[in-house]
């Protein structure tokens, strides 16, 4: 897949996932004004991430590993602070059910497939990251199916639905920053995934795990 089509596919997939997440927040009680504001923030960040990559920002800093890590961490911190400080948004996130979180986490499988269409990554990393994301999505699907059949197993579904995804992030993010970025440029279109959707998925894990205190109670 050439760079133009790959970038377009990434952007469309990320925006579709964003819409799915916004719809879940809306159904959970988030006000329309808040949903629109969040959509605007995400769209601006996606545009900024694209601009940084297309202009070779991370390589130009002279410390690409550190700058790239900070660019992934920054939206996580901003989004978390927004959820914790904006009462209606926090209530909407806390109203999301375990089923909601697991449905959203299934999207990991689709992003895993996108690993294999990037020609800028080493083959071994494509397999580790791609198969890891696919496994995370499948794990969420299996946990959701089990929860549907056994409604009393919410605690177990939360653990099973998050475990593979969290382990995958620990392995892939560390390998990506510490190994891959040693020899490969961070300014590739694939990195729209860690810059844009990884922070969202990480927060989905955080707030999904917070439901352990409510599960089976």
N, C-alpha and C. Protein backbone atom coordinates (compact mmCIF):
# COMPACT_ATOMS: atom_id res chain seq x y z
N UNK A 1 0.85 -1.19 0.00
CA UNK A 1 0.00 0.00 0.00
C UNK A 1 0.89 1.25 0.00
N UNK A 2 0.66 2.19 -0.96
CA UNK A 2 1.50 3.37 -1.01
C UNK A 2 1.19 4.31 0.15
N UNK A 3 2.10 5.27 0.36
CA UNK A 3 1.99 6.14 1.53
C UNK A 3 0.69 6.92 1.58
N UNK A 4 0.23 7.41 0.43
CA UNK A 4 -0.99 8.21 0.40
C UNK A 4 -2.20 7.40 0.87
N UNK A 5 -2.35 6.21 0.30
CA UNK A 5 -3.47 5.36 0.68
C UNK A 5 -3.35 4.87 2.11
N UNK A 6 -2.13 4.61 2.53
CA UNK A 6 -1.93 4.14 3.90
C UNK A 6 -2.31 5.24 4.89
N UNK A 7 -1.88 6.46 4.62
CA UNK A 7 -2.21 7.59 5.49
C UNK A 7 -3.71 7.82 5.52
N UNK A 8 -4.34 7.75 4.36
CA UNK A 8 -5.79 7.93 4.28
C UNK A 8 -6.52 6.85 5.06
N UNK A 9 -6.06 5.59 4.91
CA UNK A 9 -6.67 4.48 5.63
C UNK A 9 -6.53 4.66 7.14
N UNK A 10 -5.34 5.07 7.57
CA UNK A 10 -5.12 5.32 8.99
C UNK A 10 -6.06 6.40 9.51
N UNK A 11 -6.14 7.51 8.79
CA UNK A 11 -6.96 8.63 9.23
C UNK A 11 -8.44 8.25 9.31
N UNK A 12 -8.92 7.55 8.28
CA UNK A 12 -10.34 7.14 8.28
C UNK A 12 -10.63 6.17 9.42
N UNK A 13 -9.72 5.22 9.63
CA UNK A 13 -9.91 4.24 10.70
C UNK A 13 -9.90 4.93 12.05
N UNK A 14 -8.97 5.86 12.26
CA UNK A 14 -8.89 6.56 13.53
C UNK A 14 -10.11 7.44 13.77
N UNK A 15 -10.60 8.09 12.73
CA UNK A 15 -11.78 8.94 12.89
C UNK A 15 -13.03 8.09 13.14
N UNK A 16 -13.12 6.93 12.48
CA UNK A 16 -14.26 6.05 12.70
C UNK A 16 -14.27 5.52 14.13
N UNK A 17 -13.08 5.15 14.62
CA UNK A 17 -12.97 4.72 16.02
C UNK A 17 -13.36 5.86 16.95
N UNK A 18 -12.93 7.07 16.63
CA UNK A 18 -13.26 8.23 17.45
C UNK A 18 -14.76 8.44 17.52
N UNK A 19 -15.43 8.31 16.38
CA UNK A 19 -16.89 8.46 16.34
C UNK A 19 -17.56 7.40 17.21
N UNK A 20 -17.05 6.16 17.13
CA UNK A 20 -17.61 5.08 17.95
C UNK A 20 -17.47 5.40 19.44
N UNK A 21 -16.32 5.95 19.83
CA UNK A 21 -16.09 6.31 21.22
C UNK A 21 -16.98 7.48 21.63
N UNK A 22 -17.12 8.47 20.78
CA UNK A 22 -17.98 9.62 21.08
C UNK A 22 -19.44 9.20 21.22
N UNK A 23 -19.87 8.29 20.36
CA UNK A 23 -21.25 7.79 20.45
C UNK A 23 -21.49 7.08 21.77
N UNK A 24 -20.50 6.30 22.23
CA UNK A 24 -20.61 5.62 23.52
C UNK A 24 -20.71 6.64 24.65
N UNK A 25 -19.90 7.69 24.58
CA UNK A 25 -19.96 8.73 25.60
C UNK A 25 -21.31 9.43 25.59
N UNK A 26 -21.83 9.68 24.38
CA UNK A 26 -23.14 10.32 24.26
C UNK A 26 -24.24 9.47 24.86
N UNK A 27 -24.20 8.17 24.58
CA UNK A 27 -25.20 7.26 25.14
C UNK A 27 -25.07 7.14 26.66
N UNK A 28 -23.83 7.36 27.16
CA UNK A 28 -23.60 7.27 28.60
C UNK A 28 -24.03 8.54 29.33
N UNK A 29 -24.41 9.57 28.56
CA UNK A 29 -24.93 10.78 29.21
C UNK A 29 -24.12 12.04 29.00
N UNK A 30 -23.03 11.97 28.22
CA UNK A 30 -22.25 13.18 27.95
C UNK A 30 -23.09 14.16 27.15
N UNK A 31 -23.03 15.43 27.53
CA UNK A 31 -23.80 16.45 26.83
C UNK A 31 -23.27 16.63 25.41
N UNK A 32 -24.19 17.00 24.51
CA UNK A 32 -23.82 17.18 23.11
C UNK A 32 -22.71 18.20 22.97
N UNK A 33 -22.78 19.28 23.74
CA UNK A 33 -21.75 20.32 23.67
C UNK A 33 -20.38 19.76 24.04
N UNK A 34 -20.36 18.90 25.06
CA UNK A 34 -19.09 18.30 25.47
C UNK A 34 -18.57 17.34 24.41
N UNK A 35 -19.46 16.56 23.82
CA UNK A 35 -19.06 15.62 22.77
C UNK A 35 -18.47 16.36 21.58
N UNK A 36 -19.10 17.47 21.19
CA UNK A 36 -18.60 18.27 20.06
C UNK A 36 -17.23 18.86 20.40
N UNK A 37 -17.07 19.33 21.64
CA UNK A 37 -15.79 19.91 22.07
C UNK A 37 -14.68 18.86 22.03
N UNK A 38 -14.99 17.66 22.52
CA UNK A 38 -14.01 16.57 22.51
C UNK A 38 -13.63 16.22 21.07
N UNK A 39 -14.64 16.13 20.20
CA UNK A 39 -14.38 15.82 18.79
C UNK A 39 -13.45 16.87 18.18
N UNK A 40 -13.68 18.12 18.52
CA UNK A 40 -12.84 19.19 17.99
C UNK A 40 -11.40 19.07 18.47
N UNK A 41 -11.23 18.77 19.76
CA UNK A 41 -9.89 18.61 20.32
C UNK A 41 -9.16 17.45 19.65
N UNK A 42 -9.86 16.33 19.48
CA UNK A 42 -9.24 15.16 18.85
C UNK A 42 -8.84 15.45 17.40
N UNK A 43 -9.72 16.17 16.69
CA UNK A 43 -9.43 16.49 15.29
C UNK A 43 -8.20 17.40 15.18
N UNK A 44 -8.12 18.37 16.09
CA UNK A 44 -6.95 19.27 16.10
C UNK A 44 -5.68 18.48 16.40
N UNK A 45 -5.74 17.58 17.39
CA UNK A 45 -4.56 16.79 17.73
C UNK A 45 -4.14 15.87 16.59
N UNK A 46 -5.11 15.28 15.90
CA UNK A 46 -4.79 14.43 14.76
C UNK A 46 -4.09 15.25 13.68
N UNK A 47 -4.57 16.47 13.44
CA UNK A 47 -3.95 17.34 12.44
C UNK A 47 -2.53 17.74 12.87
N UNK A 48 -2.35 18.02 14.16
CA UNK A 48 -1.03 18.38 14.67
C UNK A 48 -0.07 17.20 14.53
N UNK A 49 -0.54 16.01 14.91
CA UNK A 49 0.31 14.81 14.80
C UNK A 49 0.73 14.57 13.36
N UNK A 50 -0.20 14.74 12.44
CA UNK A 50 0.13 14.57 11.01
C UNK A 50 1.17 15.60 10.58
N UNK A 51 0.98 16.85 11.01
CA UNK A 51 1.91 17.92 10.63
C UNK A 51 3.31 17.65 11.20
N UNK A 52 3.38 17.17 12.44
CA UNK A 52 4.68 16.87 13.04
C UNK A 52 5.40 15.78 12.26
N UNK A 53 4.67 14.76 11.87
CA UNK A 53 5.28 13.64 11.16
C UNK A 53 5.71 14.04 9.75
N UNK A 54 4.83 14.75 9.04
CA UNK A 54 5.12 15.08 7.64
C UNK A 54 6.28 16.06 7.53
N UNK A 55 6.51 16.83 8.59
CA UNK A 55 7.60 17.82 8.58
C UNK A 55 8.87 17.33 9.27
N UNK A 56 8.89 16.04 9.67
CA UNK A 56 10.09 15.47 10.26
C UNK A 56 10.46 16.05 11.61
N UNK A 57 9.45 16.46 12.38
CA UNK A 57 9.69 17.15 13.64
C UNK A 57 10.53 16.33 14.61
N UNK A 58 10.18 15.07 14.81
CA UNK A 58 10.84 14.27 15.85
C UNK A 58 12.31 14.01 15.53
N UNK A 59 12.62 13.74 14.28
CA UNK A 59 14.02 13.55 13.90
C UNK A 59 14.81 14.85 14.06
N UNK A 60 14.14 15.97 13.77
CA UNK A 60 14.81 17.27 13.81
C UNK A 60 15.15 17.70 15.23
N UNK A 61 14.49 17.15 16.23
CA UNK A 61 14.77 17.56 17.61
C UNK A 61 16.16 17.13 18.07
N UNK A 62 16.70 16.09 17.44
CA UNK A 62 18.00 15.57 17.89
C UNK A 62 17.87 14.53 18.97
N UNK A 63 16.71 14.43 19.58
CA UNK A 63 16.44 13.39 20.59
C UNK A 63 15.07 12.79 20.29
N UNK A 64 14.98 12.06 19.16
CA UNK A 64 13.69 11.56 18.67
C UNK A 64 12.97 10.63 19.64
N UNK A 65 13.72 9.78 20.36
CA UNK A 65 13.05 8.85 21.28
C UNK A 65 12.34 9.60 22.41
N UNK A 66 13.03 10.58 22.97
CA UNK A 66 12.43 11.34 24.07
C UNK A 66 11.27 12.20 23.59
N UNK A 67 11.47 12.90 22.48
CA UNK A 67 10.41 13.79 21.98
C UNK A 67 9.17 13.00 21.57
N UNK A 68 9.39 11.82 20.97
CA UNK A 68 8.25 11.00 20.55
C UNK A 68 7.51 10.47 21.78
N UNK A 69 8.25 10.03 22.79
CA UNK A 69 7.62 9.53 24.02
C UNK A 69 6.78 10.63 24.67
N UNK A 70 7.33 11.84 24.72
CA UNK A 70 6.59 12.96 25.31
C UNK A 70 5.32 13.27 24.52
N UNK A 71 5.41 13.13 23.18
CA UNK A 71 4.24 13.41 22.34
C UNK A 71 3.14 12.37 22.54
N UNK A 72 3.51 11.15 22.90
CA UNK A 72 2.51 10.12 23.21
C UNK A 72 1.93 10.34 24.61
N UNK A 73 2.80 10.74 25.55
CA UNK A 73 2.37 10.91 26.93
C UNK A 73 1.51 12.15 27.14
N UNK A 74 1.79 13.23 26.38
CA UNK A 74 1.08 14.49 26.59
C UNK A 74 -0.43 14.37 26.47
N UNK A 75 -0.96 13.79 25.38
CA UNK A 75 -2.42 13.68 25.30
C UNK A 75 -3.02 12.78 26.38
N UNK A 76 -2.27 11.78 26.83
CA UNK A 76 -2.77 10.93 27.92
C UNK A 76 -3.01 11.79 29.16
N UNK A 77 -2.04 12.62 29.48
CA UNK A 77 -2.14 13.48 30.66
C UNK A 77 -3.27 14.49 30.49
N UNK A 78 -3.34 15.11 29.31
CA UNK A 78 -4.38 16.13 29.05
C UNK A 78 -5.77 15.51 29.12
N UNK A 79 -5.95 14.36 28.47
CA UNK A 79 -7.26 13.72 28.46
C UNK A 79 -7.67 13.29 29.87
N UNK A 80 -6.71 12.74 30.61
CA UNK A 80 -7.02 12.28 31.97
C UNK A 80 -7.41 13.47 32.86
N UNK A 81 -6.68 14.56 32.75
CA UNK A 81 -7.01 15.75 33.53
C UNK A 81 -8.39 16.29 33.15
N UNK A 82 -8.71 16.23 31.85
CA UNK A 82 -10.01 16.71 31.40
C UNK A 82 -11.14 15.87 31.99
N UNK A 83 -10.96 14.55 31.96
CA UNK A 83 -12.00 13.67 32.50
C UNK A 83 -12.17 13.89 34.00
N UNK A 84 -11.04 14.04 34.70
CA UNK A 84 -11.10 14.17 36.15
C UNK A 84 -11.60 15.54 36.60
N UNK A 85 -11.43 16.55 35.78
CA UNK A 85 -11.78 17.90 36.21
C UNK A 85 -13.13 18.40 35.68
N UNK A 86 -13.62 17.79 34.61
CA UNK A 86 -14.91 18.21 34.04
C UNK A 86 -15.98 17.23 34.51
N UNK A 87 -16.80 17.68 35.43
CA UNK A 87 -17.75 16.80 36.10
C UNK A 87 -18.67 16.03 35.15
N UNK A 88 -19.34 16.70 34.19
CA UNK A 88 -20.24 15.94 33.29
C UNK A 88 -19.50 14.87 32.49
N UNK A 89 -18.27 15.19 32.08
CA UNK A 89 -17.50 14.22 31.30
C UNK A 89 -17.09 13.05 32.18
N UNK A 90 -16.67 13.34 33.41
CA UNK A 90 -16.29 12.26 34.32
C UNK A 90 -17.48 11.35 34.60
N UNK A 91 -18.65 11.94 34.79
CA UNK A 91 -19.84 11.13 35.05
C UNK A 91 -20.17 10.24 33.85
N UNK A 92 -20.01 10.79 32.64
CA UNK A 92 -20.29 10.00 31.44
C UNK A 92 -19.32 8.83 31.32
N UNK A 93 -18.03 9.09 31.57
CA UNK A 93 -17.03 8.02 31.49
C UNK A 93 -17.31 6.96 32.55
N UNK A 94 -17.67 7.39 33.76
CA UNK A 94 -17.94 6.44 34.83
C UNK A 94 -19.22 5.66 34.60
N UNK A 95 -20.09 6.18 33.72
CA UNK A 95 -21.34 5.49 33.39
C UNK A 95 -21.13 4.42 32.33
N UNK A 96 -20.02 4.51 31.59
CA UNK A 96 -19.73 3.48 30.58
C UNK A 96 -19.67 2.11 31.26
N UNK A 97 -20.29 1.15 30.63
CA UNK A 97 -20.33 -0.19 31.19
C UNK A 97 -19.12 -1.01 30.75
N UNK A 98 -18.92 -2.13 31.40
CA UNK A 98 -17.85 -3.03 30.98
C UNK A 98 -18.06 -3.47 29.54
N UNK A 99 -19.32 -3.68 29.16
CA UNK A 99 -19.61 -4.04 27.76
C UNK A 99 -19.15 -2.94 26.81
N UNK A 100 -19.37 -1.67 27.20
CA UNK A 100 -18.94 -0.55 26.36
C UNK A 100 -17.42 -0.58 26.17
N UNK A 101 -16.70 -0.74 27.26
CA UNK A 101 -15.23 -0.76 27.18
C UNK A 101 -14.74 -1.90 26.31
N UNK A 102 -15.33 -3.07 26.48
CA UNK A 102 -14.88 -4.23 25.71
C UNK A 102 -15.20 -4.07 24.23
N UNK A 103 -16.35 -3.49 23.91
CA UNK A 103 -16.68 -3.26 22.50
C UNK A 103 -15.66 -2.31 21.86
N UNK A 104 -15.28 -1.29 22.58
CA UNK A 104 -14.31 -0.33 22.05
C UNK A 104 -12.92 -0.96 21.93
N UNK A 105 -12.56 -1.82 22.88
CA UNK A 105 -11.25 -2.45 22.86
C UNK A 105 -11.11 -3.45 21.72
N UNK A 106 -12.23 -3.93 21.18
CA UNK A 106 -12.16 -4.84 20.03
C UNK A 106 -11.52 -4.16 18.81
N UNK A 107 -11.58 -2.83 18.78
CA UNK A 107 -10.97 -2.10 17.66
C UNK A 107 -9.47 -2.33 17.57
N UNK A 108 -8.87 -2.78 18.66
CA UNK A 108 -7.42 -3.04 18.64
C UNK A 108 -7.06 -4.01 17.52
N UNK A 109 -7.93 -4.95 17.23
CA UNK A 109 -7.63 -5.94 16.20
C UNK A 109 -7.46 -5.28 14.83
N UNK A 110 -8.30 -4.31 14.53
CA UNK A 110 -8.21 -3.61 13.24
C UNK A 110 -6.92 -2.81 13.15
N UNK A 111 -6.54 -2.13 14.23
CA UNK A 111 -5.28 -1.39 14.21
C UNK A 111 -4.09 -2.35 14.13
N UNK A 112 -4.26 -3.55 14.67
CA UNK A 112 -3.21 -4.55 14.55
C UNK A 112 -2.97 -4.94 13.10
N UNK A 113 -4.04 -5.06 12.33
CA UNK A 113 -3.91 -5.40 10.91
C UNK A 113 -3.11 -4.32 10.17
N UNK A 114 -3.28 -3.06 10.57
CA UNK A 114 -2.60 -1.95 9.90
C UNK A 114 -1.08 -2.00 10.09
N UNK A 115 -0.62 -2.72 11.12
CA UNK A 115 0.83 -2.91 11.28
C UNK A 115 1.45 -3.51 10.03
N UNK A 116 0.73 -4.46 9.44
CA UNK A 116 1.30 -5.25 8.35
C UNK A 116 1.34 -4.53 7.01
N UNK A 117 0.73 -3.34 6.93
CA UNK A 117 0.72 -2.60 5.67
C UNK A 117 1.69 -1.43 5.68
N UNK A 118 2.46 -1.30 6.77
CA UNK A 118 3.47 -0.25 6.83
C UNK A 118 4.81 -0.81 6.35
N UNK A 119 5.37 -0.18 5.34
CA UNK A 119 6.66 -0.64 4.84
C UNK A 119 7.83 -0.01 5.57
N UNK A 120 7.54 0.82 6.59
CA UNK A 120 8.59 1.55 7.29
C UNK A 120 9.02 0.89 8.60
N UNK A 121 8.39 -0.21 8.94
CA UNK A 121 8.70 -0.90 10.20
C UNK A 121 9.48 -2.18 9.92
N UNK A 122 10.38 -2.58 10.82
CA UNK A 122 11.05 -3.88 10.65
C UNK A 122 10.03 -5.01 10.73
N UNK A 123 10.25 -6.05 9.97
CA UNK A 123 9.27 -7.14 9.87
C UNK A 123 8.98 -7.76 11.24
N UNK A 124 10.01 -7.96 12.05
CA UNK A 124 9.80 -8.60 13.35
C UNK A 124 8.88 -7.76 14.22
N UNK A 125 8.98 -6.41 14.10
CA UNK A 125 8.15 -5.53 14.91
C UNK A 125 6.71 -5.52 14.40
N UNK A 126 6.56 -5.67 13.09
CA UNK A 126 5.22 -5.77 12.53
C UNK A 126 4.49 -6.99 13.10
N UNK A 127 5.20 -8.11 13.20
CA UNK A 127 4.57 -9.31 13.73
C UNK A 127 4.28 -9.18 15.22
N UNK A 128 5.24 -8.66 15.98
CA UNK A 128 5.03 -8.51 17.43
C UNK A 128 3.87 -7.56 17.71
N UNK A 129 3.91 -6.37 17.10
CA UNK A 129 2.88 -5.37 17.35
C UNK A 129 1.55 -5.73 16.73
N UNK A 130 1.58 -6.19 15.48
CA UNK A 130 0.34 -6.52 14.79
C UNK A 130 -0.40 -7.67 15.45
N UNK A 131 0.32 -8.76 15.71
CA UNK A 131 -0.33 -9.92 16.34
C UNK A 131 -0.74 -9.61 17.77
N UNK A 132 0.04 -8.77 18.46
CA UNK A 132 -0.32 -8.38 19.82
C UNK A 132 -1.63 -7.61 19.86
N UNK A 133 -1.79 -6.64 18.93
CA UNK A 133 -3.03 -5.87 18.88
C UNK A 133 -4.22 -6.75 18.48
N UNK A 134 -3.99 -7.63 17.52
CA UNK A 134 -5.06 -8.54 17.11
C UNK A 134 -5.48 -9.42 18.28
N UNK A 135 -4.49 -9.92 19.03
CA UNK A 135 -4.80 -10.73 20.21
C UNK A 135 -5.58 -9.93 21.25
N UNK A 136 -5.22 -8.65 21.41
CA UNK A 136 -5.92 -7.80 22.37
C UNK A 136 -7.38 -7.63 21.96
N UNK A 137 -7.61 -7.40 20.67
CA UNK A 137 -8.98 -7.26 20.18
C UNK A 137 -9.78 -8.54 20.34
N UNK A 138 -9.15 -9.67 20.03
CA UNK A 138 -9.82 -10.96 20.19
C UNK A 138 -10.11 -11.23 21.67
N UNK A 139 -9.14 -10.88 22.53
CA UNK A 139 -9.34 -11.06 23.97
C UNK A 139 -10.54 -10.29 24.47
N UNK A 140 -10.71 -9.06 23.99
CA UNK A 140 -11.85 -8.25 24.37
C UNK A 140 -13.16 -8.88 23.86
N UNK A 141 -13.11 -9.42 22.63
CA UNK A 141 -14.29 -10.07 22.05
C UNK A 141 -14.70 -11.29 22.86
N UNK A 142 -13.72 -12.11 23.23
CA UNK A 142 -14.00 -13.32 24.01
C UNK A 142 -14.56 -12.96 25.38
N UNK A 143 -13.97 -11.93 26.02
CA UNK A 143 -14.45 -11.51 27.34
C UNK A 143 -15.87 -10.96 27.24
N UNK A 144 -16.15 -10.23 26.17
CA UNK A 144 -17.50 -9.68 25.97
C UNK A 144 -18.51 -10.79 25.76
N UNK A 145 -18.11 -11.79 24.99
CA UNK A 145 -19.00 -12.93 24.73
C UNK A 145 -19.30 -13.67 26.03
N UNK A 146 -18.26 -13.87 26.83
CA UNK A 146 -18.43 -14.57 28.09
C UNK A 146 -19.32 -13.78 29.04
N UNK A 147 -19.14 -12.47 29.08
CA UNK A 147 -19.97 -11.62 29.94
C UNK A 147 -21.42 -11.65 29.50
N UNK A 148 -21.63 -11.73 28.19
CA UNK A 148 -23.00 -11.81 27.67
C UNK A 148 -23.68 -13.10 28.11
N UNK A 149 -22.92 -14.19 28.15
CA UNK A 149 -23.49 -15.49 28.53
C UNK A 149 -23.57 -15.68 30.04
N UNK A 150 -22.63 -15.02 30.75
CA UNK A 150 -22.61 -15.16 32.22
C UNK A 150 -22.49 -13.77 32.82
N UNK A 151 -23.62 -13.13 33.03
CA UNK A 151 -23.65 -11.74 33.48
C UNK A 151 -22.97 -11.53 34.83
N UNK A 152 -22.86 -12.59 35.63
CA UNK A 152 -22.27 -12.46 36.96
C UNK A 152 -20.75 -12.48 36.94
N UNK A 153 -20.15 -12.64 35.76
CA UNK A 153 -18.69 -12.78 35.68
C UNK A 153 -18.02 -11.47 35.26
N UNK A 154 -18.57 -10.33 35.66
CA UNK A 154 -18.04 -9.05 35.20
C UNK A 154 -16.58 -8.84 35.61
N UNK A 155 -16.26 -9.14 36.86
CA UNK A 155 -14.89 -8.95 37.32
C UNK A 155 -13.91 -9.74 36.46
N UNK A 156 -14.23 -10.99 36.19
CA UNK A 156 -13.36 -11.83 35.37
C UNK A 156 -13.27 -11.30 33.94
N UNK A 157 -14.39 -10.78 33.42
CA UNK A 157 -14.40 -10.24 32.05
C UNK A 157 -13.52 -9.00 31.96
N UNK A 158 -13.55 -8.17 32.99
CA UNK A 158 -12.70 -6.97 32.99
C UNK A 158 -11.23 -7.36 32.94
N UNK A 159 -10.85 -8.30 33.79
CA UNK A 159 -9.45 -8.72 33.84
C UNK A 159 -9.03 -9.36 32.53
N UNK A 160 -9.83 -10.29 32.04
CA UNK A 160 -9.50 -10.97 30.79
C UNK A 160 -9.50 -10.02 29.60
N UNK A 161 -10.44 -9.09 29.59
CA UNK A 161 -10.56 -8.17 28.46
C UNK A 161 -9.47 -7.13 28.41
N UNK A 162 -8.80 -6.88 29.53
CA UNK A 162 -7.75 -5.86 29.58
C UNK A 162 -6.34 -6.44 29.60
N UNK A 163 -6.19 -7.66 30.08
CA UNK A 163 -4.87 -8.22 30.34
C UNK A 163 -3.97 -8.25 29.10
N UNK A 164 -4.46 -8.84 28.01
CA UNK A 164 -3.65 -8.96 26.80
C UNK A 164 -3.32 -7.59 26.23
N UNK A 165 -4.30 -6.69 26.24
CA UNK A 165 -4.08 -5.36 25.70
C UNK A 165 -3.03 -4.58 26.46
N UNK A 166 -3.06 -4.67 27.78
CA UNK A 166 -2.08 -3.96 28.61
C UNK A 166 -0.68 -4.55 28.41
N UNK A 167 -0.59 -5.88 28.42
CA UNK A 167 0.70 -6.53 28.20
C UNK A 167 1.26 -6.16 26.83
N UNK A 168 0.39 -6.12 25.82
CA UNK A 168 0.83 -5.76 24.48
C UNK A 168 1.40 -4.33 24.47
N UNK A 169 0.73 -3.40 25.13
CA UNK A 169 1.23 -2.03 25.17
C UNK A 169 2.59 -1.96 25.87
N UNK A 170 2.73 -2.67 26.98
CA UNK A 170 4.00 -2.67 27.71
C UNK A 170 5.15 -3.14 26.81
N UNK A 171 4.90 -4.24 26.10
CA UNK A 171 5.95 -4.81 25.24
C UNK A 171 6.21 -3.93 24.02
N UNK A 172 5.15 -3.58 23.30
CA UNK A 172 5.32 -2.89 22.02
C UNK A 172 5.82 -1.46 22.19
N UNK A 173 5.29 -0.74 23.16
CA UNK A 173 5.74 0.64 23.35
C UNK A 173 7.21 0.70 23.76
N UNK A 174 7.61 -0.22 24.63
CA UNK A 174 9.01 -0.24 25.04
C UNK A 174 9.93 -0.65 23.89
N UNK A 175 9.53 -1.68 23.13
CA UNK A 175 10.33 -2.09 21.99
C UNK A 175 10.39 -0.98 20.94
N UNK A 176 9.25 -0.33 20.74
CA UNK A 176 9.21 0.73 19.74
C UNK A 176 10.14 1.88 20.06
N UNK A 177 10.08 2.34 21.30
CA UNK A 177 10.89 3.50 21.70
C UNK A 177 12.35 3.13 21.89
N UNK A 178 12.61 2.03 22.58
CA UNK A 178 13.99 1.71 22.96
C UNK A 178 14.77 0.97 21.88
N UNK A 179 14.08 0.25 21.00
CA UNK A 179 14.78 -0.56 19.99
C UNK A 179 14.55 -0.01 18.58
N UNK A 180 13.28 0.07 18.17
CA UNK A 180 12.99 0.46 16.79
C UNK A 180 13.47 1.88 16.49
N UNK A 181 13.21 2.81 17.40
CA UNK A 181 13.60 4.20 17.15
C UNK A 181 15.10 4.44 17.22
N UNK A 182 15.85 3.44 17.63
CA UNK A 182 17.31 3.56 17.59
C UNK A 182 17.81 3.61 16.16
N UNK A 183 17.13 2.88 15.25
CA UNK A 183 17.61 2.76 13.88
C UNK A 183 16.60 3.23 12.83
N UNK A 184 15.39 3.57 13.25
CA UNK A 184 14.36 3.95 12.29
C UNK A 184 13.79 5.32 12.66
N UNK A 185 13.41 6.06 11.65
CA UNK A 185 12.86 7.39 11.87
C UNK A 185 11.48 7.30 12.54
N UNK A 186 11.21 8.20 13.51
CA UNK A 186 9.87 8.24 14.11
C UNK A 186 8.88 8.99 13.23
N UNK A 187 9.37 9.64 12.19
CA UNK A 187 8.51 10.48 11.35
C UNK A 187 7.93 9.69 10.19
N UNK A 188 7.12 8.68 10.52
CA UNK A 188 6.45 7.87 9.52
C UNK A 188 4.96 7.90 9.80
N UNK A 189 4.14 7.71 8.77
CA UNK A 189 2.70 7.85 8.94
C UNK A 189 2.11 6.81 9.88
N UNK A 190 2.74 5.65 9.99
CA UNK A 190 2.24 4.64 10.93
C UNK A 190 2.12 5.23 12.34
N UNK A 191 2.99 6.16 12.67
CA UNK A 191 3.02 6.69 14.03
C UNK A 191 1.84 7.59 14.37
N UNK A 192 0.92 7.75 13.41
CA UNK A 192 -0.36 8.35 13.77
C UNK A 192 -1.09 7.46 14.77
N UNK A 193 -0.79 6.16 14.74
CA UNK A 193 -1.45 5.24 15.67
C UNK A 193 -0.98 5.49 17.11
N UNK A 194 0.33 5.41 17.41
CA UNK A 194 0.73 5.68 18.80
C UNK A 194 0.48 7.12 19.24
N UNK A 195 0.54 8.07 18.31
CA UNK A 195 0.34 9.47 18.69
C UNK A 195 -1.13 9.79 18.94
N UNK A 196 -2.03 9.11 18.24
CA UNK A 196 -3.45 9.48 18.35
C UNK A 196 -4.30 8.46 19.11
N UNK A 197 -4.30 7.20 18.68
CA UNK A 197 -5.24 6.26 19.30
C UNK A 197 -4.68 5.55 20.54
N UNK A 198 -3.36 5.39 20.62
CA UNK A 198 -2.81 4.71 21.80
C UNK A 198 -3.18 5.41 23.10
N UNK A 199 -3.10 6.76 23.17
CA UNK A 199 -3.55 7.42 24.41
C UNK A 199 -5.01 7.13 24.74
N UNK A 200 -5.85 7.06 23.74
CA UNK A 200 -7.27 6.77 23.97
C UNK A 200 -7.45 5.34 24.49
N UNK A 201 -6.77 4.39 23.87
CA UNK A 201 -6.88 3.00 24.32
C UNK A 201 -6.33 2.82 25.74
N UNK A 202 -5.23 3.51 26.04
CA UNK A 202 -4.67 3.40 27.40
C UNK A 202 -5.66 3.91 28.44
N UNK A 203 -6.33 5.01 28.14
CA UNK A 203 -7.32 5.54 29.09
C UNK A 203 -8.54 4.62 29.18
N UNK A 204 -8.88 3.97 28.08
CA UNK A 204 -9.98 2.99 28.13
C UNK A 204 -9.61 1.85 29.08
N UNK A 205 -8.36 1.43 29.05
CA UNK A 205 -7.90 0.41 30.00
C UNK A 205 -8.00 0.91 31.44
N UNK A 206 -7.55 2.14 31.66
CA UNK A 206 -7.55 2.70 33.02
C UNK A 206 -8.97 2.74 33.58
N UNK A 207 -9.90 3.29 32.82
CA UNK A 207 -11.25 3.45 33.33
C UNK A 207 -12.04 2.14 33.32
N UNK A 208 -11.65 1.23 32.46
CA UNK A 208 -12.26 -0.10 32.51
C UNK A 208 -11.86 -0.81 33.80
N UNK A 209 -10.56 -0.74 34.14
CA UNK A 209 -10.07 -1.39 35.36
C UNK A 209 -10.65 -0.75 36.62
N UNK A 210 -10.99 0.54 36.54
CA UNK A 210 -11.60 1.20 37.70
C UNK A 210 -12.95 0.58 38.05
N UNK A 211 -13.56 -0.08 37.08
CA UNK A 211 -14.84 -0.72 37.32
C UNK A 211 -14.72 -1.99 38.17
N UNK A 212 -13.49 -2.42 38.40
CA UNK A 212 -13.31 -3.60 39.26
C UNK A 212 -13.89 -3.36 40.65
N UNK A 213 -13.86 -2.10 41.09
CA UNK A 213 -14.42 -1.79 42.41
C UNK A 213 -15.92 -1.91 42.46
N UNK A 214 -16.57 -1.81 41.28
CA UNK A 214 -18.04 -1.92 41.22
C UNK A 214 -18.49 -3.31 40.81
N UNK A 215 -17.61 -4.02 40.13
CA UNK A 215 -18.00 -5.32 39.56
C UNK A 215 -18.41 -6.31 40.63
N UNK A 216 -19.43 -7.05 40.33
CA UNK A 216 -19.93 -8.13 41.18
C UNK A 216 -20.30 -7.65 42.58
N UNK A 217 -20.54 -6.33 42.71
CA UNK A 217 -20.91 -5.82 44.04
C UNK A 217 -22.43 -5.77 44.19
